[in-house]
Structure formats: structure tokens, C-alpha cells
């Protein structure tokens, strides 16, 4: 719901802002990799990247090692634009205050838990998608 509210605030679709967040977090990647991370089809990702590019949030570049591939690169300066700061600034400040309450050891444990939980959720999502493809296939 946070993504949707932030997307509404900056005038984007929630899938677009999620993809921009992934690009910002992981750095440049192929559209195919972005599709894998989000579970969106490659056709849907093409539309997302088109919209991100038009809005100035991403650029497409040819892969210097394989000219058939296209790399999607985030325009990180857009993370600091006025609308993005208004959408995410207060929650980022709240998270900073929350994190300050924990010791480094506690934060390490919390990070370990969320890393493991995320891996389990990702495995389950992959399983559900694979089952769905088999059922339709």
C-alpha cells in the first residue's frame, strides 16, 4: 500500500515505482532480469520501462558486451526530486528513528531474519508461478 500511495503522489503506477525502486537498489539490469524480480511479463516490463524513460526515471542502453541486449539504468537523481522526497521522506525519517533504537547486534539479527524470510517468500512465489504456468500450459 505504501508503494501505491507513493506512486499516486508522484503520478506513477505502483508497478513503475516498484521497478524504479528495484533498479535503484540493484543497479542497472536487463529488462528480462527486472521481469524475473517482479514476476511481470517481459511485455509488461517493456511498458514499465517506456513509462520510466518518458518520466526521466530510467534510460535504456545497449549492452557493450552483447549489442542485442538492452540494459535499463535508473536515473538516481530522480530519487531526490521534490515529489519523491515528499512521498518517501517522512517514512525514511521514521525508519531512521526506529533503527536508532537497536544495537548493531540486534540489527544484524533483524537483517538475518528478513533476509531468510525474503528468500522463503521468494521460493514460494516462484513455486506458485510455476504451478500456475503448468496449470495453464
N, C-alpha and C. Protein backbone atom coordinates (compact mmCIF):
# COMPACT_ATOMS: atom_id res chain seq x y z
N UNK A 1 0.82 -1.19 0.00
CA UNK A 1 0.00 0.00 0.00
C UNK A 1 0.86 1.26 0.00
N UNK A 2 2.05 1.16 0.63
CA UNK A 2 2.95 2.31 0.62
C UNK A 2 3.36 2.65 -0.81
N UNK A 3 3.68 1.61 -1.58
CA UNK A 3 4.09 1.85 -2.97
C UNK A 3 2.97 2.52 -3.75
N UNK A 4 1.75 2.07 -3.55
CA UNK A 4 0.62 2.66 -4.27
C UNK A 4 0.42 4.11 -3.87
N UNK A 5 0.48 4.39 -2.57
CA UNK A 5 0.31 5.76 -2.10
C UNK A 5 1.42 6.67 -2.63
N UNK A 6 2.66 6.16 -2.60
CA UNK A 6 3.79 6.95 -3.13
C UNK A 6 3.65 7.14 -4.62
N UNK A 7 3.25 6.09 -5.32
CA UNK A 7 3.07 6.19 -6.77
C UNK A 7 2.00 7.22 -7.11
N UNK A 8 0.91 7.20 -6.37
CA UNK A 8 -0.15 8.19 -6.59
C UNK A 8 0.40 9.60 -6.39
N UNK A 9 1.22 9.76 -5.37
CA UNK A 9 1.76 11.08 -5.04
C UNK A 9 2.67 11.63 -6.15
N UNK A 10 3.46 10.73 -6.78
CA UNK A 10 4.38 11.19 -7.81
C UNK A 10 3.81 11.01 -9.22
N UNK A 11 2.57 10.51 -9.32
CA UNK A 11 1.92 10.38 -10.62
C UNK A 11 2.41 9.21 -11.44
N UNK A 12 2.70 8.10 -10.77
CA UNK A 12 3.17 6.90 -11.46
C UNK A 12 2.26 5.73 -11.09
N UNK A 13 2.38 4.65 -11.85
CA UNK A 13 1.72 3.40 -11.49
C UNK A 13 2.56 2.72 -10.42
N UNK A 14 1.92 1.94 -9.56
CA UNK A 14 2.68 1.28 -8.48
C UNK A 14 3.72 0.32 -9.05
N UNK A 15 3.43 -0.36 -10.15
CA UNK A 15 4.43 -1.26 -10.75
C UNK A 15 5.63 -0.46 -11.25
N UNK A 16 5.40 0.74 -11.73
CA UNK A 16 6.50 1.59 -12.21
C UNK A 16 7.42 1.99 -11.06
N UNK A 17 6.81 2.41 -9.95
CA UNK A 17 7.63 2.85 -8.82
C UNK A 17 8.36 1.68 -8.18
N UNK A 18 7.72 0.50 -8.17
CA UNK A 18 8.39 -0.70 -7.65
C UNK A 18 9.60 -1.04 -8.52
N UNK A 19 9.44 -0.96 -9.83
CA UNK A 19 10.56 -1.25 -10.73
C UNK A 19 11.68 -0.23 -10.56
N UNK A 20 11.32 1.04 -10.42
CA UNK A 20 12.34 2.06 -10.18
C UNK A 20 13.07 1.78 -8.87
N UNK A 21 12.32 1.37 -7.84
CA UNK A 21 12.96 1.03 -6.57
C UNK A 21 13.94 -0.13 -6.73
N UNK A 22 13.54 -1.16 -7.49
CA UNK A 22 14.44 -2.29 -7.73
C UNK A 22 15.69 -1.86 -8.49
N UNK A 23 15.50 -1.02 -9.50
CA UNK A 23 16.65 -0.52 -10.25
C UNK A 23 17.57 0.31 -9.35
N UNK A 24 16.98 1.12 -8.49
CA UNK A 24 17.77 1.95 -7.57
C UNK A 24 18.55 1.09 -6.58
N UNK A 25 17.92 0.01 -6.13
CA UNK A 25 18.54 -0.87 -5.15
C UNK A 25 19.61 -1.77 -5.75
N UNK A 26 19.30 -2.37 -6.90
CA UNK A 26 20.20 -3.36 -7.50
C UNK A 26 21.09 -2.81 -8.61
N UNK A 27 20.78 -1.62 -9.10
CA UNK A 27 21.57 -1.04 -10.18
C UNK A 27 21.07 -1.48 -11.54
N UNK A 28 21.78 -1.06 -12.58
CA UNK A 28 21.35 -1.37 -13.95
C UNK A 28 21.18 -2.87 -14.16
N UNK A 29 20.18 -3.23 -14.96
CA UNK A 29 19.92 -4.64 -15.26
C UNK A 29 19.15 -4.73 -16.56
N UNK A 30 19.08 -5.94 -17.07
CA UNK A 30 18.30 -6.16 -18.29
C UNK A 30 16.82 -6.11 -17.95
N UNK A 31 16.02 -5.86 -18.96
CA UNK A 31 14.57 -5.88 -18.78
C UNK A 31 14.13 -7.28 -18.35
N UNK A 32 14.79 -8.31 -18.88
CA UNK A 32 14.47 -9.68 -18.51
C UNK A 32 14.68 -9.93 -17.03
N UNK A 33 15.78 -9.41 -16.49
CA UNK A 33 16.04 -9.57 -15.05
C UNK A 33 15.01 -8.82 -14.23
N UNK A 34 14.62 -7.65 -14.68
CA UNK A 34 13.58 -6.88 -14.00
C UNK A 34 12.27 -7.65 -14.01
N UNK A 35 11.97 -8.31 -15.11
CA UNK A 35 10.76 -9.15 -15.19
C UNK A 35 10.84 -10.30 -14.19
N UNK A 36 12.02 -10.92 -14.08
CA UNK A 36 12.20 -12.02 -13.12
C UNK A 36 11.97 -11.55 -11.69
N UNK A 37 12.54 -10.39 -11.35
CA UNK A 37 12.43 -9.88 -9.98
C UNK A 37 11.00 -9.50 -9.61
N UNK A 38 10.25 -9.03 -10.60
CA UNK A 38 8.90 -8.55 -10.30
C UNK A 38 7.82 -9.58 -10.56
N UNK A 39 8.12 -10.56 -11.43
CA UNK A 39 7.09 -11.51 -11.82
C UNK A 39 6.21 -10.99 -12.95
N UNK A 40 6.53 -9.80 -13.46
CA UNK A 40 5.78 -9.25 -14.58
C UNK A 40 6.27 -9.90 -15.87
N UNK A 41 5.44 -9.92 -16.88
CA UNK A 41 5.86 -10.46 -18.18
C UNK A 41 6.84 -9.49 -18.82
N UNK A 42 7.59 -9.99 -19.79
CA UNK A 42 8.53 -9.11 -20.49
C UNK A 42 7.78 -8.02 -21.24
N UNK A 43 6.58 -8.34 -21.73
CA UNK A 43 5.77 -7.32 -22.40
C UNK A 43 5.35 -6.22 -21.44
N UNK A 44 4.95 -6.60 -20.22
CA UNK A 44 4.57 -5.61 -19.22
C UNK A 44 5.77 -4.76 -18.82
N UNK A 45 6.94 -5.39 -18.71
CA UNK A 45 8.15 -4.66 -18.34
C UNK A 45 8.51 -3.65 -19.42
N UNK A 46 8.29 -4.01 -20.68
CA UNK A 46 8.55 -3.05 -21.76
C UNK A 46 7.73 -1.79 -21.55
N UNK A 47 6.46 -1.96 -21.20
CA UNK A 47 5.61 -0.80 -20.93
C UNK A 47 6.09 0.00 -19.72
N UNK A 48 6.49 -0.70 -18.66
CA UNK A 48 7.01 -0.03 -17.47
C UNK A 48 8.25 0.79 -17.82
N UNK A 49 9.19 0.17 -18.54
CA UNK A 49 10.43 0.87 -18.89
C UNK A 49 10.13 2.05 -19.82
N UNK A 50 9.19 1.89 -20.73
CA UNK A 50 8.78 3.02 -21.59
C UNK A 50 8.31 4.19 -20.73
N UNK A 51 7.47 3.90 -19.74
CA UNK A 51 6.93 4.97 -18.89
C UNK A 51 8.02 5.58 -18.01
N UNK A 52 8.90 4.73 -17.46
CA UNK A 52 10.01 5.26 -16.64
C UNK A 52 10.92 6.14 -17.47
N UNK A 53 11.17 5.73 -18.71
CA UNK A 53 12.03 6.52 -19.58
C UNK A 53 11.39 7.86 -19.93
N UNK A 54 10.10 7.84 -20.27
CA UNK A 54 9.40 9.10 -20.59
C UNK A 54 9.40 10.06 -19.41
N UNK A 55 9.28 9.51 -18.19
CA UNK A 55 9.22 10.35 -17.00
C UNK A 55 10.61 10.76 -16.50
N UNK A 56 11.67 10.24 -17.15
CA UNK A 56 13.02 10.59 -16.75
C UNK A 56 13.57 9.78 -15.58
N UNK A 57 12.95 8.65 -15.27
CA UNK A 57 13.40 7.81 -14.16
C UNK A 57 14.36 6.70 -14.59
N UNK A 58 14.46 6.43 -15.88
CA UNK A 58 15.35 5.37 -16.36
C UNK A 58 15.77 5.66 -17.79
N UNK A 59 16.86 5.03 -18.19
CA UNK A 59 17.31 5.10 -19.58
C UNK A 59 17.62 3.68 -20.05
N UNK A 60 17.53 3.50 -21.35
CA UNK A 60 17.93 2.23 -21.97
C UNK A 60 19.29 2.43 -22.62
N UNK A 61 20.15 1.43 -22.45
CA UNK A 61 21.47 1.47 -23.07
C UNK A 61 21.76 0.11 -23.67
N UNK A 62 22.47 0.09 -24.76
CA UNK A 62 22.92 -1.17 -25.34
C UNK A 62 23.99 -1.80 -24.44
N UNK A 63 23.90 -3.09 -24.26
CA UNK A 63 24.92 -3.82 -23.51
C UNK A 63 26.21 -3.79 -24.33
N UNK A 64 27.32 -3.26 -23.78
CA UNK A 64 28.56 -3.17 -24.56
C UNK A 64 29.14 -4.54 -24.92
N UNK A 65 28.73 -5.59 -24.20
CA UNK A 65 29.25 -6.93 -24.46
C UNK A 65 28.34 -7.75 -25.38
N UNK A 66 27.10 -7.34 -25.51
CA UNK A 66 26.14 -8.05 -26.36
C UNK A 66 25.13 -7.02 -26.87
N UNK A 67 25.34 -6.53 -28.07
CA UNK A 67 24.53 -5.42 -28.60
C UNK A 67 23.06 -5.78 -28.76
N UNK A 68 22.71 -7.07 -28.67
CA UNK A 68 21.29 -7.45 -28.76
C UNK A 68 20.56 -7.18 -27.46
N UNK A 69 21.31 -7.09 -26.37
CA UNK A 69 20.70 -6.87 -25.06
C UNK A 69 20.63 -5.39 -24.73
N UNK A 70 19.59 -5.05 -23.99
CA UNK A 70 19.41 -3.68 -23.53
C UNK A 70 19.49 -3.66 -22.01
N UNK A 71 20.23 -2.71 -21.50
CA UNK A 71 20.36 -2.52 -20.05
C UNK A 71 19.48 -1.34 -19.65
N UNK A 72 18.72 -1.52 -18.60
CA UNK A 72 17.89 -0.44 -18.05
C UNK A 72 18.66 0.16 -16.88
N UNK A 73 18.90 1.45 -16.96
CA UNK A 73 19.71 2.16 -15.95
C UNK A 73 18.81 3.18 -15.23
N UNK A 74 18.79 3.14 -13.88
CA UNK A 74 17.98 4.13 -13.15
C UNK A 74 18.62 5.50 -13.20
N UNK A 75 17.82 6.52 -13.23
CA UNK A 75 18.29 7.90 -13.12
C UNK A 75 18.16 8.28 -11.65
N UNK A 76 19.21 8.02 -10.89
CA UNK A 76 19.14 8.11 -9.43
C UNK A 76 18.89 9.52 -8.92
N UNK A 77 19.22 10.52 -9.73
CA UNK A 77 18.94 11.89 -9.27
C UNK A 77 17.44 12.12 -9.10
N UNK A 78 16.60 11.31 -9.75
CA UNK A 78 15.15 11.45 -9.61
C UNK A 78 14.69 11.04 -8.22
N UNK A 79 15.48 10.22 -7.51
CA UNK A 79 15.11 9.82 -6.15
C UNK A 79 15.05 11.03 -5.24
N UNK A 80 15.77 12.08 -5.59
CA UNK A 80 15.83 13.27 -4.74
C UNK A 80 14.90 14.37 -5.24
N UNK A 81 14.06 14.09 -6.25
CA UNK A 81 13.19 15.16 -6.71
C UNK A 81 12.11 15.45 -5.67
N UNK A 82 11.50 16.60 -5.79
CA UNK A 82 10.57 17.10 -4.78
C UNK A 82 9.43 16.14 -4.47
N UNK A 83 8.83 15.56 -5.49
CA UNK A 83 7.70 14.65 -5.28
C UNK A 83 8.13 13.38 -4.56
N UNK A 84 9.30 12.85 -4.92
CA UNK A 84 9.78 11.63 -4.28
C UNK A 84 10.12 11.88 -2.81
N UNK A 85 10.74 13.01 -2.54
CA UNK A 85 11.07 13.35 -1.15
C UNK A 85 9.79 13.51 -0.34
N UNK A 86 8.79 14.15 -0.91
CA UNK A 86 7.51 14.33 -0.20
C UNK A 86 6.84 12.98 0.06
N UNK A 87 6.99 12.05 -0.89
CA UNK A 87 6.35 10.74 -0.75
C UNK A 87 7.09 9.84 0.23
N UNK A 88 8.41 9.82 0.15
CA UNK A 88 9.19 8.87 0.94
C UNK A 88 9.95 9.49 2.10
N UNK A 89 10.15 10.79 2.10
CA UNK A 89 10.94 11.44 3.14
C UNK A 89 10.46 11.16 4.55
N UNK A 90 9.18 11.35 4.86
CA UNK A 90 8.71 11.11 6.22
C UNK A 90 8.88 9.66 6.68
N UNK A 91 8.61 8.70 5.81
CA UNK A 91 8.76 7.30 6.23
C UNK A 91 10.23 6.94 6.38
N UNK A 92 11.10 7.51 5.55
CA UNK A 92 12.54 7.25 5.69
C UNK A 92 13.03 7.80 7.03
N UNK A 93 12.57 9.00 7.41
CA UNK A 93 12.97 9.59 8.70
C UNK A 93 12.44 8.74 9.86
N UNK A 94 11.22 8.25 9.74
CA UNK A 94 10.64 7.39 10.78
C UNK A 94 11.43 6.09 10.92
N UNK A 95 11.85 5.51 9.79
CA UNK A 95 12.64 4.28 9.84
C UNK A 95 14.01 4.53 10.45
N UNK A 96 14.61 5.68 10.14
CA UNK A 96 15.90 6.03 10.75
C UNK A 96 15.76 6.12 12.26
N UNK A 97 14.69 6.75 12.74
CA UNK A 97 14.47 6.86 14.19
C UNK A 97 14.26 5.47 14.80
N UNK A 98 13.52 4.62 14.12
CA UNK A 98 13.27 3.27 14.62
C UNK A 98 14.57 2.47 14.68
N UNK A 99 15.36 2.51 13.62
CA UNK A 99 16.61 1.75 13.58
C UNK A 99 17.59 2.22 14.66
N UNK A 100 17.55 3.48 15.01
CA UNK A 100 18.46 4.03 16.01
C UNK A 100 18.22 3.43 17.40
N UNK A 101 17.08 2.79 17.60
CA UNK A 101 16.75 2.20 18.90
C UNK A 101 17.44 0.85 19.13
N UNK A 102 18.05 0.29 18.08
CA UNK A 102 18.63 -1.05 18.17
C UNK A 102 20.15 -1.01 18.12
N UNK A 103 20.75 -1.99 18.78
CA UNK A 103 22.21 -2.12 18.72
C UNK A 103 22.60 -2.74 17.38
N UNK A 104 23.88 -2.68 17.08
CA UNK A 104 24.37 -3.31 15.85
C UNK A 104 24.09 -4.81 15.85
N UNK A 105 24.26 -5.47 17.00
CA UNK A 105 23.99 -6.91 17.08
C UNK A 105 22.51 -7.20 16.83
N UNK A 106 21.64 -6.38 17.40
CA UNK A 106 20.21 -6.57 17.17
C UNK A 106 19.85 -6.35 15.71
N UNK A 107 20.43 -5.33 15.11
CA UNK A 107 20.16 -5.07 13.69
C UNK A 107 20.67 -6.21 12.82
N UNK A 108 21.79 -6.79 13.19
CA UNK A 108 22.33 -7.93 12.43
C UNK A 108 21.35 -9.11 12.49
N UNK A 109 20.78 -9.36 13.66
CA UNK A 109 19.79 -10.43 13.81
C UNK A 109 18.53 -10.13 13.00
N UNK A 110 18.06 -8.90 13.06
CA UNK A 110 16.87 -8.50 12.30
C UNK A 110 17.12 -8.65 10.80
N UNK A 111 18.28 -8.21 10.35
CA UNK A 111 18.63 -8.34 8.94
C UNK A 111 18.68 -9.81 8.52
N UNK A 112 19.28 -10.66 9.36
CA UNK A 112 19.34 -12.08 9.07
C UNK A 112 17.93 -12.66 8.93
N UNK A 113 17.05 -12.32 9.86
CA UNK A 113 15.68 -12.82 9.81
C UNK A 113 14.99 -12.39 8.51
N UNK A 114 15.06 -11.12 8.18
CA UNK A 114 14.37 -10.64 6.98
C UNK A 114 14.99 -11.18 5.70
N UNK A 115 16.30 -11.38 5.69
CA UNK A 115 16.95 -11.97 4.53
C UNK A 115 16.44 -13.40 4.32
N UNK A 116 16.39 -14.17 5.40
CA UNK A 116 15.91 -15.55 5.32
C UNK A 116 14.42 -15.60 4.98
N UNK A 117 13.63 -14.73 5.59
CA UNK A 117 12.19 -14.70 5.32
C UNK A 117 11.94 -14.32 3.87
N UNK A 118 12.70 -13.37 3.36
CA UNK A 118 12.54 -12.95 1.97
C UNK A 118 12.88 -14.09 1.02
N UNK A 119 13.92 -14.85 1.32
CA UNK A 119 14.29 -16.00 0.48
C UNK A 119 13.18 -17.04 0.48
N UNK A 120 12.59 -17.31 1.64
CA UNK A 120 11.49 -18.27 1.73
C UNK A 120 10.27 -17.78 0.93
N UNK A 121 9.95 -16.51 1.07
CA UNK A 121 8.81 -15.95 0.33
C UNK A 121 9.07 -15.99 -1.17
N UNK A 122 10.29 -15.67 -1.58
CA UNK A 122 10.64 -15.71 -3.00
C UNK A 122 10.50 -17.13 -3.55
N UNK A 123 10.95 -18.11 -2.80
CA UNK A 123 10.82 -19.51 -3.23
C UNK A 123 9.35 -19.89 -3.37
N UNK A 124 8.52 -19.46 -2.45
CA UNK A 124 7.09 -19.77 -2.52
C UNK A 124 6.43 -19.07 -3.71
N UNK A 125 6.78 -17.83 -3.94
CA UNK A 125 6.24 -17.09 -5.09
C UNK A 125 6.62 -17.79 -6.39
N UNK A 126 7.88 -18.19 -6.49
CA UNK A 126 8.34 -18.90 -7.69
C UNK A 126 7.56 -20.19 -7.87
N UNK A 127 7.35 -20.93 -6.79
CA UNK A 127 6.58 -22.17 -6.85
C UNK A 127 5.14 -21.91 -7.34
N UNK A 128 4.50 -20.89 -6.78
CA UNK A 128 3.13 -20.56 -7.19
C UNK A 128 3.07 -20.18 -8.67
N UNK A 129 4.02 -19.40 -9.13
CA UNK A 129 4.03 -19.00 -10.54
C UNK A 129 4.26 -20.21 -11.44
N UNK A 130 5.20 -21.08 -11.06
CA UNK A 130 5.48 -22.27 -11.86
C UNK A 130 4.25 -23.18 -11.92
N UNK A 131 3.56 -23.35 -10.80
CA UNK A 131 2.33 -24.15 -10.78
C UNK A 131 1.27 -23.54 -11.70
N UNK A 132 1.15 -22.23 -11.65
CA UNK A 132 0.17 -21.54 -12.49
C UNK A 132 0.46 -21.72 -13.96
N UNK A 133 1.73 -21.67 -14.32
CA UNK A 133 2.10 -21.88 -15.73
C UNK A 133 1.79 -23.31 -16.17
N UNK A 134 2.06 -24.27 -15.30
CA UNK A 134 1.76 -25.67 -15.65
C UNK A 134 0.26 -25.88 -15.80
N UNK A 135 -0.52 -25.26 -14.91
CA UNK A 135 -1.97 -25.41 -14.97
C UNK A 135 -2.56 -24.82 -16.25
N UNK A 136 -1.97 -23.69 -16.71
CA UNK A 136 -2.46 -23.04 -17.93
C UNK A 136 -1.90 -23.70 -19.17
N UNK A 137 -0.74 -24.36 -19.02
CA UNK A 137 0.03 -24.83 -20.16
C UNK A 137 -0.46 -26.06 -20.79
